Amino acid sequence: MMNYTLSAMAITAEEVLREIGPVQEILDSHDGVVTVIDTADGNVMLSLDGGCVGCSSTPMTAMQIYYSLKKLDTVNDVIFVNGELPEYMRTFIDQKMADESSRSEGEII
């Protein structure tokens, strides 16, 4: 039963690319490419290629992608194989998301 639940929650490469659509529009204008390498077990493995290689904005792009994908229930982790997301940025986003979550849970409607 557990395997069925995990497979039902899988995310596809197409869904990953659709989710990062707004970022991809910017990348397209700079010849940047997001390559989805794997999505097994909700661990999305990406590479930023093309115009992203050597670009000083790549960590910010990776941060936007990480934030967008980590909001999805089907995503456990986002791994950039080229190391485009420094650990301190990952920690910052994780804390921001935890703060957002605790605020929304504590709101009185």
Protein backbone atom coordinates (compact mmCIF):
# COMPACT_ATOMS: atom_id res chain seq x y z
CA MET A 1 0.00 0.00 0.00
CA MET A 2 2.80 2.41 0.83
CA ASN A 3 4.43 1.99 -2.59
CA TYR A 4 1.13 2.85 -4.24
CA THR A 5 0.86 6.04 -2.21
CA LEU A 6 4.40 7.09 -3.10
CA SER A 7 3.92 6.44 -6.81
CA ALA A 8 0.64 8.37 -6.79
CA MET A 9 2.49 11.39 -5.42
CA ALA A 10 5.34 11.28 -7.94
CA ILE A 11 6.19 14.40 -9.92
CA THR A 12 7.18 14.25 -13.56
CA ALA A 13 9.84 16.25 -15.39
CA GLU A 14 7.05 17.96 -17.33
CA GLU A 15 5.37 19.07 -14.10
CA VAL A 16 8.68 20.41 -12.78
CA LEU A 17 9.23 22.45 -15.94
CA ARG A 18 5.63 23.70 -15.88
CA GLU A 19 6.01 24.79 -12.24
CA ILE A 20 9.12 26.86 -13.00
CA GLY A 21 7.47 28.42 -16.05
CA PRO A 22 7.91 32.09 -15.04
CA VAL A 23 11.63 31.51 -14.37
CA GLN A 24 11.98 29.65 -17.67
CA GLU A 25 10.64 32.66 -19.57
CA ILE A 26 13.53 34.74 -18.20
CA LEU A 27 16.03 31.96 -18.87
CA ASP A 28 14.82 31.71 -22.47
CA SER A 29 15.74 35.34 -23.08
CA HIS A 30 19.28 34.63 -21.79
CA ASP A 31 19.77 31.20 -23.42
CA GLY A 32 19.50 29.49 -20.03
CA VAL A 33 18.25 25.92 -19.81
CA VAL A 34 16.83 23.91 -16.91
CA THR A 35 17.57 20.22 -17.36
CA VAL A 36 15.52 17.83 -15.23
CA ILE A 37 17.78 14.86 -14.55
CA ASP A 38 15.63 12.86 -12.15
CA THR A 39 12.48 13.12 -10.04
CA ALA A 40 12.63 9.80 -8.16
CA ASP A 41 10.95 9.71 -4.75
CA GLY A 42 10.13 13.42 -4.93
CA ASN A 43 13.81 14.37 -5.07
CA VAL A 44 14.09 16.65 -8.06
CA MET A 45 17.58 16.70 -9.55
CA LEU A 46 18.27 19.64 -11.85
CA SER A 47 21.06 21.22 -13.80
CA LEU A 48 21.15 24.82 -14.98
CA ASP A 49 22.85 24.84 -18.35
CA GLY A 50 23.40 27.01 -21.41
CA GLY A 51 23.55 30.70 -20.56
CA CYS A 52 23.38 29.84 -16.83
CA VAL A 53 26.91 28.46 -16.85
CA GLY A 54 29.14 31.15 -15.38
CA CYS A 55 26.31 33.67 -14.99
CA SER A 56 26.42 35.67 -11.76
CA SER A 57 22.60 35.46 -11.45
CA THR A 58 22.51 31.66 -11.44
CA PRO A 59 22.33 31.32 -7.61
CA MET A 60 19.32 33.66 -7.55
CA THR A 61 17.68 31.69 -10.35
CA ALA A 62 18.32 28.46 -8.45
CA MET A 63 16.84 30.05 -5.32
CA GLN A 64 13.63 30.96 -7.18
CA ILE A 65 13.35 27.46 -8.63
CA TYR A 66 14.01 25.84 -5.24
CA TYR A 67 11.37 27.99 -3.55
CA SER A 68 8.75 27.27 -6.23
CA LEU A 69 9.31 23.53 -6.21
CA LYS A 70 9.57 23.10 -2.43
CA LYS A 71 6.03 24.49 -2.11
CA LEU A 72 4.72 21.37 -3.85
CA ASP A 73 3.61 18.46 -1.69
CA THR A 74 5.13 16.02 -4.18
CA VAL A 75 8.65 17.48 -3.83
CA ASN A 76 10.87 16.36 -0.95
CA ASP A 77 14.06 18.07 -2.07
CA VAL A 78 15.57 19.98 -4.98
CA ILE A 79 19.17 19.14 -5.83
CA PHE A 80 21.23 21.17 -8.27
CA VAL A 81 23.94 18.88 -9.64
CA ASN A 82 26.17 21.82 -10.55
CA GLY A 83 25.96 23.30 -7.05
CA GLU A 84 24.04 26.38 -8.18
CA LEU A 85 22.28 26.85 -4.82
CA PRO A 86 24.67 27.65 -1.96
CA GLU A 87 23.78 26.03 1.38
CA TYR A 88 23.14 29.38 3.08
CA MET A 89 20.48 30.21 0.44
CA ARG A 90 18.85 26.80 0.92
CA THR A 91 18.77 27.37 4.70
CA PHE A 92 17.31 30.87 4.22
CA ILE A 93 14.49 29.58 2.00
CA ASP A 94 13.72 26.65 4.30
CA GLN A 95 13.44 29.05 7.25
CA LYS A 96 11.27 31.46 5.24
CA MET A 97 8.92 28.62 4.31
CA ALA A 98 8.76 27.40 7.92
CA ASP A 99 7.95 30.95 9.07
CA GLU A 100 5.23 31.27 6.39
CA SER A 101 3.76 27.94 7.42
CA SER A 102 3.66 28.78 11.13
CA ARG A 103 2.09 32.17 10.39
CA SER A 104 -0.64 30.68 8.21
CA GLU A 105 -1.39 28.00 10.81
CA GLY A 106 -1.67 30.61 13.56
CA GLU A 107 -3.96 33.00 11.69
CA ILE A 108 -7.45 33.54 13.05
CA ILE A 109 -10.07 33.91 10.36
